[in-house]
Amino acid sequence: MKKVLVTGASGFIGRHTLIDLLSKYDEVHGVNNDRSLSEYKNVHWHQVDLLDGTTRGKLIKNIRPTHLLHLAWYAEPGKYAQSLLNIDWLKASIDLIKEFTEAGGERVVCAGTCFEYDFSYGFCSEFDTPKNPETIYGVCKNSLQEILRHYSEKSGLSSSWGRIFYLYGPYEYPGRLVSSVIISLLKGETAPCSEGNQKKDFLHVEDVARAFVSLLESSIQGPVNIGSGNPISVKDLVLQIGEIIGRGNLIRLGARPTPESEPPMILADDRRLRLELGWSPKYKIDSGLKNTISWWKDNIKVIIPLKVNI
């Protein structure tokens, strides 16, 4: 019997994996710290603090999952990058993987980040681009990836590591780039942005979730970039949002300073994702933004506006 345990199952990426997982696994178990998603009634929900070794260990022993999709991590906007909680999550993740393996687990896929890379290179390739994380978050993620690689070689655990780049879509935190611009324009308010010349690799969250499910179902080992392979400037991205909504006149390019640490380009080498995994995106930027804008139109009234942080 195939049983998958998804940590962070009610989060931004996790919730988008559930429909696909329900069609592929006999049992889908979701870990949530504070809420369950009532619309996914066939998911077995477990309210567990993964930093608590006792309750986490009991969870693994009770479920004995064959597959683990580990998406959970500390990710409070504006705080997570340099938070010491990253160290707690590193330790808890190591223990989780060991407990999963010792309980008979067969394959694990963990969520990594593009912030593991040395951004001075711009083009980020899994095996060619050096790792030089500048935040505690990136250091801890990269440390877990290295530990997982060596642990898998010694234990025989099948494992892979999905490095996420920039994502957007339904249920995104309101203060992120795409969501904040959409919210401002839909409310008829100005959207202050940087000059926006920096280029980034954006991917719709549903495509990111599909990539993780495909990776979990595969036998691919090691790191795999989860990105579009197509850079777009922040300026072009926000102007496209303005054009779709019809309120481009409210966008204020250059109203915010571009951070000095912001690299001119961050682009994923997506060849492993496309050629080895056989994955292709459902959304291009235009269709992905239209989908996201449509979702916000239906949900903006139930979202408490938060400070924009572009």
C-alpha atoms as a PDB file:
ATOM      1  CA  MET A   1       0.000   0.000   0.000  1.00  0.00           C
ATOM      2  CA  LYS A   2       1.367   3.404  -1.033  1.00  0.00           C
ATOM      3  CA  LYS A   3       1.028   5.980   1.736  1.00  0.00           C
ATOM      4  CA  VAL A   4       2.377   9.499   1.439  1.00  0.00           C
ATOM      5  CA  LEU A   5       2.973  11.941   4.262  1.00  0.00           C
ATOM      6  CA  VAL A   6       3.015  15.623   3.255  1.00  0.00           C
ATOM      7  CA  THR A   7       4.438  18.155   5.694  1.00  0.00           C
ATOM      8  CA  GLY A   8       3.228  21.699   5.181  1.00  0.00           C
ATOM      9  CA  ALA A   9       0.181  20.205   3.472  1.00  0.00           C
ATOM     10  CA  SER A  10      -2.036  23.225   4.150  1.00  0.00           C
ATOM     11  CA  GLY A  11       0.596  25.712   2.994  1.00  0.00           C
ATOM     12  CA  PHE A  12       1.016  27.658  -0.235  1.00  0.00           C
ATOM     13  CA  ILE A  13       2.588  24.779  -2.190  1.00  0.00           C
ATOM     14  CA  GLY A  14       1.317  21.833  -0.169  1.00  0.00           C
ATOM     15  CA  ARG A  15      -2.386  22.454  -0.708  1.00  0.00           C
ATOM     16  CA  HIS A  16      -1.839  22.423  -4.484  1.00  0.00           C
ATOM     17  CA  THR A  17      -0.254  18.942  -4.358  1.00  0.00           C
ATOM     18  CA  LEU A  18      -3.215  17.220  -2.704  1.00  0.00           C
ATOM     19  CA  ILE A  19      -5.506  16.536  -5.678  1.00  0.00           C
ATOM     20  CA  ASP A  20      -2.705  14.856  -7.646  1.00  0.00           C
ATOM     21  CA  LEU A  21      -1.535  12.897  -4.619  1.00  0.00           C
ATOM     22  CA  LEU A  22      -5.058  11.625  -3.875  1.00  0.00           C
ATOM     23  CA  SER A  23      -5.192  10.147  -7.374  1.00  0.00           C
ATOM     24  CA  LYS A  24      -1.833   8.365  -7.015  1.00  0.00           C
ATOM     25  CA  TYR A  25      -1.683   7.087  -3.409  1.00  0.00           C
ATOM     26  CA  ASP A  26      -3.842   4.744  -1.372  1.00  0.00           C
ATOM     27  CA  GLU A  27      -3.561   7.068   1.608  1.00  0.00           C
ATOM     28  CA  VAL A  28      -2.609  10.752   1.779  1.00  0.00           C
ATOM     29  CA  HIS A  29      -1.651  12.113   5.189  1.00  0.00           C
ATOM     30  CA  GLY A  30      -1.226  15.837   5.695  1.00  0.00           C
ATOM     31  CA  VAL A  31       0.622  17.476   8.570  1.00  0.00           C
ATOM     32  CA  ASN A  32      -0.723  20.854   9.605  1.00  0.00           C
ATOM     33  CA  ASN A  33       0.331  22.924  12.574  1.00  0.00           C
ATOM     34  CA  ASP A  34      -2.774  25.074  12.929  1.00  0.00           C
ATOM     35  CA  ARG A  35      -5.428  24.263  10.343  1.00  0.00           C
ATOM     36  CA  SER A  36      -6.852  21.550   8.107  1.00  0.00           C
ATOM     37  CA  LEU A  37      -8.359  22.100   4.675  1.00  0.00           C
ATOM     38  CA  SER A  38     -11.977  21.005   4.905  1.00  0.00           C
ATOM     39  CA  GLU A  39     -12.327  20.775   1.116  1.00  0.00           C
ATOM     40  CA  TYR A  40      -9.904  17.833   1.069  1.00  0.00           C
ATOM     41  CA  LYS A  41     -11.999  15.364   3.037  1.00  0.00           C
ATOM     42  CA  ASN A  42     -10.096  12.297   1.798  1.00  0.00           C
ATOM     43  CA  VAL A  43      -6.842  13.567   3.301  1.00  0.00           C
ATOM     44  CA  HIS A  44      -5.985  12.237   6.766  1.00  0.00           C
ATOM     45  CA  TRP A  45      -5.075  15.389   8.700  1.00  0.00           C
ATOM     46  CA  HIS A  46      -2.651  15.428  11.633  1.00  0.00           C
ATOM     47  CA  GLN A  47      -2.152  18.545  13.743  1.00  0.00           C
ATOM     48  CA  VAL A  48       1.447  18.019  14.806  1.00  0.00           C
ATOM     49  CA  ASP A  49       4.326  20.313  15.714  1.00  0.00           C
ATOM     50  CA  LEU A  50       7.188  18.829  13.717  1.00  0.00           C
ATOM     51  CA  LEU A  51       9.714  20.473  16.032  1.00  0.00           C
ATOM     52  CA  ASP A  52       8.399  18.274  18.848  1.00  0.00           C
ATOM     53  CA  GLY A  53      10.368  15.036  18.554  1.00  0.00           C
ATOM     54  CA  THR A  54       7.972  12.975  20.650  1.00  0.00           C
ATOM     55  CA  THR A  55       4.793  13.729  18.707  1.00  0.00           C
ATOM     56  CA  ARG A  56       6.654  13.649  15.381  1.00  0.00           C
ATOM     57  CA  GLY A  57       8.086  10.218  16.147  1.00  0.00           C
ATOM     58  CA  LYS A  58       4.677   8.853  17.134  1.00  0.00           C
ATOM     59  CA  LEU A  59       3.201  10.196  13.895  1.00  0.00           C
ATOM     60  CA  ILE A  60       5.744   8.349  11.752  1.00  0.00           C
ATOM     61  CA  LYS A  61       5.367   5.108  13.689  1.00  0.00           C
ATOM     62  CA  ASN A  62       1.560   5.230  13.484  1.00  0.00           C
ATOM     63  CA  ILE A  63       1.361   6.005   9.749  1.00  0.00           C
ATOM     64  CA  ARG A  64       4.488   4.200   8.500  1.00  0.00           C
ATOM     65  CA  PRO A  65       4.387   6.107   5.188  1.00  0.00           C
ATOM     66  CA  THR A  66       6.117   4.733   2.104  1.00  0.00           C
ATOM     67  CA  HIS A  67       6.693   8.221   0.690  1.00  0.00           C
ATOM     68  CA  LEU A  68       7.495  11.572   2.297  1.00  0.00           C
ATOM     69  CA  LEU A  69       7.040  15.002   0.713  1.00  0.00           C
ATOM     70  CA  HIS A  70       8.705  17.416   3.117  1.00  0.00           C
ATOM     71  CA  LEU A  71       7.604  20.971   2.396  1.00  0.00           C
ATOM     72  CA  ALA A  72       7.265  22.390   5.910  1.00  0.00           C
ATOM     73  CA  TRP A  73       9.738  24.996   7.163  1.00  0.00           C
ATOM     74  CA  TYR A  74       9.672  28.304   9.012  1.00  0.00           C
ATOM     75  CA  ALA A  75       8.669  30.884   6.391  1.00  0.00           C
ATOM     76  CA  GLU A  76       7.257  33.997   8.069  1.00  0.00           C
ATOM     77  CA  PRO A  77       7.660  36.819   5.503  1.00  0.00           C
ATOM     78  CA  GLY A  78      10.235  39.400   6.448  1.00  0.00           C
ATOM     79  CA  LYS A  79      11.674  37.249   9.234  1.00  0.00           C
ATOM     80  CA  TYR A  80      12.561  33.780   7.964  1.00  0.00           C
ATOM     81  CA  ALA A  81      15.725  34.622   6.011  1.00  0.00           C
ATOM     82  CA  GLN A  82      17.925  35.276   9.055  1.00  0.00           C
ATOM     83  CA  SER A  83      15.879  33.600  11.789  1.00  0.00           C
ATOM     84  CA  LEU A  84      17.616  31.172  14.145  1.00  0.00           C
ATOM     85  CA  LEU A  85      14.495  29.008  13.854  1.00  0.00           C
ATOM     86  CA  ASN A  86      16.035  27.740  10.619  1.00  0.00           C
ATOM     87  CA  ILE A  87      18.492  25.777  12.757  1.00  0.00           C
ATOM     88  CA  ASP A  88      15.616  24.153  14.642  1.00  0.00           C
ATOM     89  CA  TRP A  89      14.014  23.172  11.346  1.00  0.00           C
ATOM     90  CA  LEU A  90      17.289  21.766  10.073  1.00  0.00           C
ATOM     91  CA  LYS A  91      17.598  19.510  13.096  1.00  0.00           C
ATOM     92  CA  ALA A  92      13.934  18.477  13.030  1.00  0.00           C
ATOM     93  CA  SER A  93      14.151  17.687   9.310  1.00  0.00           C
ATOM     94  CA  ILE A  94      17.193  15.467   9.793  1.00  0.00           C
ATOM     95  CA  ASP A  95      15.403  13.573  12.550  1.00  0.00           C
ATOM     96  CA  LEU A  96      12.217  13.323  10.460  1.00  0.00           C
ATOM     97  CA  ILE A  97      14.103  11.751   7.542  1.00  0.00           C
ATOM     98  CA  LYS A  98      15.853   9.256   9.846  1.00  0.00           C
ATOM     99  CA  GLU A  99      12.569   8.317  11.526  1.00  0.00           C
ATOM    100  CA  PHE A 100      10.880   7.921   8.157  1.00  0.00           C
ATOM    101  CA  THR A 101      13.658   5.631   6.909  1.00  0.00           C
ATOM    102  CA  GLU A 102      13.730   3.543  10.081  1.00  0.00           C
ATOM    103  CA  ALA A 103       9.945   3.057   9.797  1.00  0.00           C
ATOM    104  CA  GLY A 104      10.368   1.504   6.342  1.00  0.00           C
ATOM    105  CA  GLY A 105      10.039   4.634   4.207  1.00  0.00           C
ATOM    106  CA  GLU A 106      11.088   4.212   0.587  1.00  0.00           C
ATOM    107  CA  ARG A 107      11.386   7.655  -0.997  1.00  0.00           C
ATOM    108  CA  VAL A 108      11.607  11.235   0.241  1.00  0.00           C
ATOM    109  CA  VAL A 109      11.498  14.529  -1.649  1.00  0.00           C
ATOM    110  CA  CYS A 110      12.349  17.742   0.209  1.00  0.00           C
ATOM    111  CA  ALA A 111      11.809  21.373  -0.718  1.00  0.00           C
ATOM    112  CA  GLY A 112      14.999  23.334  -1.249  1.00  0.00           C
ATOM    113  CA  THR A 113      15.511  26.877  -2.466  1.00  0.00           C
ATOM    114  CA  CYS A 114      17.354  28.838  -5.111  1.00  0.00           C
ATOM    115  CA  PHE A 115      18.848  30.810  -2.211  1.00  0.00           C
ATOM    116  CA  GLU A 116      21.338  27.979  -1.779  1.00  0.00           C
ATOM    117  CA  TYR A 117      23.163  29.140  -4.922  1.00  0.00           C
ATOM    118  CA  ASP A 118      25.877  31.732  -5.445  1.00  0.00           C
ATOM    119  CA  PHE A 119      23.732  34.391  -7.097  1.00  0.00           C
ATOM    120  CA  SER A 120      26.729  36.130  -8.669  1.00  0.00           C
ATOM    121  CA  TYR A 121      26.532  33.462 -11.385  1.00  0.00           C
ATOM    122  CA  GLY A 122      22.951  34.351 -12.375  1.00  0.00           C
ATOM    123  CA  PHE A 123      22.330  31.063 -14.171  1.00  0.00           C
ATOM    124  CA  CYS A 124      21.779  28.361 -11.562  1.00  0.00           C
ATOM    125  CA  SER A 125      22.626  24.781 -12.517  1.00  0.00           C
ATOM    126  CA  GLU A 126      22.278  21.901 -10.052  1.00  0.00           C
ATOM    127  CA  PHE A 127      25.766  20.449 -10.484  1.00  0.00           C
ATOM    128  CA  ASP A 128      27.764  23.321 -11.996  1.00  0.00           C
ATOM    129  CA  THR A 129      26.829  26.451 -10.063  1.00  0.00           C
ATOM    130  CA  PRO A 130      28.598  26.842  -6.677  1.00  0.00           C
ATOM    131  CA  LYS A 131      26.527  27.055  -3.506  1.00  0.00           C
ATOM    132  CA  ASN A 132      27.119  30.189  -1.476  1.00  0.00           C
ATOM    133  CA  PRO A 133      24.013  31.023   0.538  1.00  0.00           C
ATOM    134  CA  GLU A 134      23.960  34.470   2.126  1.00  0.00           C
ATOM    135  CA  THR A 135      21.209  33.837   4.682  1.00  0.00           C
ATOM    136  CA  ILE A 136      20.777  31.400   7.565  1.00  0.00           C
ATOM    137  CA  TYR A 137      17.750  30.090   5.680  1.00  0.00           C
ATOM    138  CA  GLY A 138      19.848  29.261   2.617  1.00  0.00           C
ATOM    139  CA  VAL A 139      22.675  27.807   4.724  1.00  0.00           C
ATOM    140  CA  CYS A 140      20.313  25.479   6.596  1.00  0.00           C
ATOM    141  CA  LYS A 141      18.517  24.368   3.449  1.00  0.00           C
ATOM    142  CA  ASN A 142      21.797  23.634   1.687  1.00  0.00           C
ATOM    143  CA  SER A 143      23.088  21.799   4.773  1.00  0.00           C
ATOM    144  CA  LEU A 144      20.015  19.570   4.789  1.00  0.00           C
ATOM    145  CA  GLN A 145      20.493  18.819   1.099  1.00  0.00           C
ATOM    146  CA  GLU A 146      24.094  17.745   1.675  1.00  0.00           C
ATOM    147  CA  ILE A 147      23.162  15.628   4.687  1.00  0.00           C
ATOM    148  CA  LEU A 148      20.288  14.010   2.775  1.00  0.00           C
ATOM    149  CA  ARG A 149      22.604  13.168  -0.132  1.00  0.00           C
ATOM    150  CA  HIS A 150      25.161  11.407   2.069  1.00  0.00           C
ATOM    151  CA  TYR A 151      22.527   9.771   4.267  1.00  0.00           C
ATOM    152  CA  SER A 152      20.759   8.367   1.192  1.00  0.00           C
ATOM    153  CA  GLU A 153      24.003   6.909  -0.141  1.00  0.00           C
ATOM    154  CA  LYS A 154      24.690   5.152   3.162  1.00  0.00           C
ATOM    155  CA  SER A 155      21.142   4.021   3.998  1.00  0.00           C
ATOM    156  CA  GLY A 156      19.820   3.197   0.507  1.00  0.00           C
ATOM    157  CA  LEU A 157      16.996   5.714   0.839  1.00  0.00           C
ATOM    158  CA  SER A 158      15.688   7.025  -2.495  1.00  0.00           C
ATOM    159  CA  SER A 159      15.694  10.823  -2.311  1.00  0.00           C
ATOM    160  CA  SER A 160      15.506  14.001  -4.321  1.00  0.00           C
ATOM    161  CA  TRP A 161      15.668  17.717  -3.606  1.00  0.00           C
ATOM    162  CA  GLY A 162      13.437  20.228  -5.394  1.00  0.00           C
ATOM    163  CA  ARG A 163      14.985  23.705  -5.489  1.00  0.00           C
ATOM    164  CA  ILE A 164      12.226  26.296  -5.699  1.00  0.00           C
ATOM    165  CA  PHE A 165      12.789  29.615  -7.457  1.00  0.00           C
ATOM    166  CA  TYR A 166      10.180  32.405  -7.521  1.00  0.00           C
ATOM    167  CA  LEU A 167       6.530  31.431  -7.420  1.00  0.00           C
ATOM    168  CA  TYR A 168       3.122  33.092  -7.433  1.00  0.00           C
ATOM    169  CA  GLY A 169      -0.517  32.070  -7.641  1.00  0.00           C
ATOM    170  CA  PRO A 170      -3.698  31.524  -5.584  1.00  0.00           C
ATOM    171  CA  TYR A 171      -3.306  31.635  -1.778  1.00  0.00           C
ATOM    172  CA  GLU A 172      -0.018  33.513  -1.909  1.00  0.00           C
ATOM    173  CA  TYR A 173       0.847  35.700   1.070  1.00  0.00           C
ATOM    174  CA  PRO A 174      -0.643  39.136   0.301  1.00  0.00           C
ATOM    175  CA  GLY A 175       2.612  41.042   0.842  1.00  0.00           C
ATOM    176  CA  ARG A 176       4.607  39.236  -1.853  1.00  0.00           C
ATOM    177  CA  LEU A 177       5.402  40.848  -5.220  1.00  0.00           C
ATOM    178  CA  VAL A 178       2.685  39.470  -7.503  1.00  0.00           C
ATOM    179  CA  SER A 179      -0.080  39.323  -4.906  1.00  0.00           C
ATOM    180  CA  SER A 180       0.604  42.798  -3.527  1.00  0.00           C
ATOM    181  CA  VAL A 181       0.516  44.445  -6.962  1.00  0.00           C
ATOM    182  CA  ILE A 182      -2.697  42.613  -7.863  1.00  0.00           C
ATOM    183  CA  ILE A 183      -4.378  43.582  -4.582  1.00  0.00           C
ATOM    184  CA  SER A 184      -3.388  47.231  -4.922  1.00  0.00           C
ATOM    185  CA  LEU A 185      -4.655  47.510  -8.487  1.00  0.00           C
ATOM    186  CA  LEU A 186      -7.911  45.689  -7.774  1.00  0.00           C
ATOM    187  CA  LYS A 187      -8.540  48.119  -4.904  1.00  0.00           C
ATOM    188  CA  GLY A 188      -7.757  51.090  -7.152  1.00  0.00           C
ATOM    189  CA  GLU A 189      -4.651  51.991  -5.172  1.00  0.00           C
ATOM    190  CA  THR A 190      -1.164  52.795  -6.429  1.00  0.00           C
ATOM    191  CA  ALA A 191       1.389  49.979  -6.488  1.00  0.00           C
ATOM    192  CA  PRO A 192       4.866  51.331  -5.604  1.00  0.00           C
ATOM    193  CA  CYS A 193       7.621  49.137  -7.051  1.00  0.00           C
ATOM    194  CA  SER A 194      11.343  49.250  -7.656  1.00  0.00           C
ATOM    195  CA  GLU A 195      12.638  50.132 -11.107  1.00  0.00           C
ATOM    196  CA  GLY A 196      12.242  46.439 -11.819  1.00  0.00           C
ATOM    197  CA  ASN A 197      15.196  45.838 -14.127  1.00  0.00           C
ATOM    198  CA  GLN A 198      16.244  42.692 -12.238  1.00  0.00           C
ATOM    199  CA  LYS A 199      15.223  39.456 -13.967  1.00  0.00           C
ATOM    200  CA  LYS A 200      13.844  36.458 -12.085  1.00  0.00           C
ATOM    201  CA  ASP A 201      12.497  32.997 -12.772  1.00  0.00           C
ATOM    202  CA  PHE A 202       8.774  32.897 -11.900  1.00  0.00           C
ATOM    203  CA  LEU A 203       6.565  29.795 -11.917  1.00  0.00           C
ATOM    204  CA  HIS A 204       2.872  29.362 -11.070  1.00  0.00           C
ATOM    205  CA  VAL A 205       2.398  27.534  -7.754  1.00  0.00           C
ATOM    206  CA  GLU A 206       0.265  24.799  -9.366  1.00  0.00           C
ATOM    207  CA  ASP A 207       3.146  23.984 -11.697  1.00  0.00           C
ATOM    208  CA  VAL A 208       5.547  23.953  -8.750  1.00  0.00           C
ATOM    209  CA  ALA A 209       3.224  21.538  -6.911  1.00  0.00           C
ATOM    210  CA  ARG A 210       2.893  19.299  -9.991  1.00  0.00           C
ATOM    211  CA  ALA A 211       6.673  19.216 -10.306  1.00  0.00           C
ATOM    212  CA  PHE A 212       7.024  18.054  -6.701  1.00  0.00           C
ATOM    213  CA  VAL A 213       4.452  15.289  -7.176  1.00  0.00           C
ATOM    214  CA  SER A 214       6.176  14.160 -10.379  1.00  0.00           C
ATOM    215  CA  LEU A 215       9.524  14.180  -8.597  1.00  0.00           C
ATOM    216  CA  LEU A 216       8.108  12.108  -5.744  1.00  0.00           C
ATOM    217  CA  GLU A 217       6.739   9.564  -8.231  1.00  0.00           C
ATOM    218  CA  SER A 218      10.042   9.326 -10.097  1.00  0.00           C
ATOM    219  CA  SER A 219      13.337   7.631  -9.258  1.00  0.00           C
ATOM    220  CA  ILE A 220      15.467  10.727  -9.931  1.00  0.00           C
ATOM    221  CA  GLN A 221      18.139  11.258  -7.277  1.00  0.00           C
ATOM    222  CA  GLY A 222      19.618  14.500  -6.006  1.00  0.00           C
ATOM    223  CA  PRO A 223      18.799  18.155  -6.638  1.00  0.00           C
ATOM    224  CA  VAL A 224      16.371  19.274  -9.331  1.00  0.00           C
ATOM    225  CA  ASN A 225      15.623  22.930 -10.048  1.00  0.00           C
ATOM    226  CA  ILE A 226      11.912  23.733 -10.067  1.00  0.00           C
ATOM    227  CA  GLY A 227      11.731  26.811 -12.252  1.00  0.00           C
ATOM    228  CA  SER A 228      10.492  27.961 -15.634  1.00  0.00           C
ATOM    229  CA  GLY A 229      13.867  28.404 -17.309  1.00  0.00           C
ATOM    230  CA  ASN A 230      12.543  31.705 -18.684  1.00  0.00           C
ATOM    231  CA  PRO A 231      13.568  34.925 -16.942  1.00  0.00           C
ATOM    232  CA  ILE A 232      11.285  37.957 -16.876  1.00  0.00           C
ATOM    233  CA  SER A 233      12.090  41.373 -15.480  1.00  0.00           C
ATOM    234  CA  VAL A 234      10.136  42.528 -12.464  1.00  0.00           C
ATOM    235  CA  LYS A 235       9.140  45.584 -14.489  1.00  0.00           C
ATOM    236  CA  ASP A 236       7.652  43.532 -17.321  1.00  0.00           C
ATOM    237  CA  LEU A 237       5.895  41.280 -14.825  1.00  0.00           C
ATOM    238  CA  VAL A 238       4.121  44.076 -12.961  1.00  0.00           C
ATOM    239  CA  LEU A 239       3.294  45.943 -16.174  1.00  0.00           C
ATOM    240  CA  GLN A 240       1.669  42.780 -17.501  1.00  0.00           C
ATOM    241  CA  ILE A 241      -0.431  42.593 -14.335  1.00  0.00           C
ATOM    242  CA  GLY A 242      -1.450  46.201 -14.891  1.00  0.00           C
ATOM    243  CA  GLU A 243      -2.392  45.508 -18.498  1.00  0.00           C
ATOM    244  CA  ILE A 244      -4.554  42.489 -17.597  1.00  0.00           C
ATOM    245  CA  ILE A 245      -6.399  44.361 -14.836  1.00  0.00           C
ATOM    246  CA  GLY A 246      -6.589  47.533 -16.902  1.00  0.00           C
ATOM    247  CA  ARG A 247      -5.007  49.773 -14.285  1.00  0.00           C
ATOM    248  CA  GLY A 248      -1.398  50.022 -15.366  1.00  0.00           C
ATOM    249  CA  ASN A 249      -1.511  53.763 -14.662  1.00  0.00           C
ATOM    250  CA  LEU A 250      -1.463  52.961 -10.944  1.00  0.00           C
ATOM    251  CA  ILE A 251       1.940  51.234 -11.089  1.00  0.00           C
ATOM    252  CA  ARG A 252       4.782  53.412  -9.792  1.00  0.00           C
ATOM    253  CA  LEU A 253       8.085  52.042 -11.066  1.00  0.00           C
ATOM    254  CA  GLY A 254      11.069  53.413  -9.170  1.00  0.00           C
ATOM    255  CA  ALA A 255       9.001  54.421  -6.140  1.00  0.00           C
ATOM    256  CA  ARG A 256      10.898  51.870  -4.073  1.00  0.00           C
ATOM    257  CA  PRO A 257      14.672  51.400  -4.041  1.00  0.00           C
ATOM    258  CA  THR A 258      16.160  48.248  -5.494  1.00  0.00           C
ATOM    259  CA  PRO A 259      18.013  46.429  -2.702  1.00  0.00           C
ATOM    260  CA  GLU A 260      21.786  46.629  -3.166  1.00  0.00           C
ATOM    261  CA  SER A 261      22.047  42.875  -2.660  1.00  0.00           C
ATOM    262  CA  GLU A 262      19.548  42.167  -5.444  1.00  0.00           C
ATOM    263  CA  PRO A 263      21.352  40.306  -8.294  1.00  0.00           C
ATOM    264  CA  PRO A 264      20.586  41.426 -11.871  1.00  0.00           C
ATOM    265  CA  MET A 265      19.356  37.932 -12.850  1.00  0.00           C
ATOM    266  CA  ILE A 266      18.351  34.662 -11.187  1.00  0.00           C
ATOM    267  CA  LEU A 267      17.530  31.909 -13.673  1.00  0.00           C
ATOM    268  CA  ALA A 268      16.966  28.185 -13.207  1.00  0.00           C
ATOM    269  CA  ASP A 269      18.634  25.617 -15.418  1.00  0.00           C
ATOM    270  CA  ASP A 270      15.491  23.518 -15.992  1.00  0.00           C
ATOM    271  CA  ARG A 271      17.014  20.726 -18.094  1.00  0.00           C
ATOM    272  CA  ARG A 272      16.748  18.026 -15.403  1.00  0.00           C
ATOM    273  CA  LEU A 273      13.140  19.009 -14.792  1.00  0.00           C
ATOM    274  CA  ARG A 274      12.208  18.907 -18.476  1.00  0.00           C
ATOM    275  CA  LEU A 275      14.437  16.203 -19.929  1.00  0.00           C
ATOM    276  CA  GLU A 276      14.866  13.712 -17.081  1.00  0.00           C
ATOM    277  CA  LEU A 277      11.522  14.153 -15.349  1.00  0.00           C
ATOM    278  CA  GLY A 278       9.551  14.832 -18.533  1.00  0.00           C
ATOM    279  CA  TRP A 279       7.749  17.749 -16.869  1.00  0.00           C
ATOM    280  CA  SER A 280       6.284  20.761 -18.638  1.00  0.00           C
ATOM    281  CA  PRO A 281       4.379  23.721 -17.180  1.00  0.00           C
ATOM    282  CA  LYS A 282       0.639  24.151 -17.488  1.00  0.00           C
ATOM    283  CA  TYR A 283       0.869  27.938 -17.274  1.00  0.00           C
ATOM    284  CA  LYS A 284       2.865  30.514 -19.143  1.00  0.00           C
ATOM    285  CA  ILE A 285       3.260  33.910 -17.477  1.00  0.00           C
ATOM    286  CA  ASP A 286       0.208  35.409 -19.215  1.00  0.00           C
ATOM    287  CA  SER A 287      -2.189  32.566 -18.406  1.00  0.00           C
ATOM    288  CA  GLY A 288      -0.728  32.147 -14.919  1.00  0.00           C
ATOM    289  CA  LEU A 289      -1.244  35.821 -14.086  1.00  0.00           C
ATOM    290  CA  LYS A 290      -4.805  35.731 -15.434  1.00  0.00           C
ATOM    291  CA  ASN A 291      -5.543  32.696 -13.257  1.00  0.00           C
ATOM    292  CA  THR A 292      -4.073  34.421 -10.214  1.00  0.00           C
ATOM    293  CA  ILE A 293      -5.877  37.700 -10.822  1.00  0.00           C
ATOM    294  CA  SER A 294      -9.171  35.839 -11.240  1.00  0.00           C
ATOM    295  CA  TRP A 295      -8.622  34.084  -7.901  1.00  0.00           C
ATOM    296  CA  TRP A 296      -7.863  37.352  -6.125  1.00  0.00           C
ATOM    297  CA  LYS A 297     -10.984  38.979  -7.562  1.00  0.00           C
ATOM    298  CA  ASP A 298     -13.027  36.229  -5.889  1.00  0.00           C
ATOM    299  CA  ASN A 299     -11.108  36.266  -2.604  1.00  0.00           C
ATOM    300  CA  ILE A 300      -9.820  39.781  -1.956  1.00  0.00           C
ATOM    301  CA  LYS A 301     -12.686  40.643   0.387  1.00  0.00           C
ATOM    302  CA  VAL A 302     -11.742  37.887   2.823  1.00  0.00           C
ATOM    303  CA  ILE A 303      -8.043  38.805   2.902  1.00  0.00           C
ATOM    304  CA  ILE A 304      -6.851  41.311   5.485  1.00  0.00           C
ATOM    305  CA  PRO A 305      -4.607  43.791   3.600  1.00  0.00           C
ATOM    306  CA  LEU A 306      -1.008  43.560   4.762  1.00  0.00           C
ATOM    307  CA  LYS A 307       1.926  45.857   4.228  1.00  0.00           C
ATOM    308  CA  VAL A 308       3.299  45.596   0.728  1.00  0.00           C
ATOM    309  CA  ASN A 309       6.918  44.384   0.609  1.00  0.00           C
ATOM    310  CA  ILE A 310       8.167  44.299  -2.955  1.00  0.00           C
END
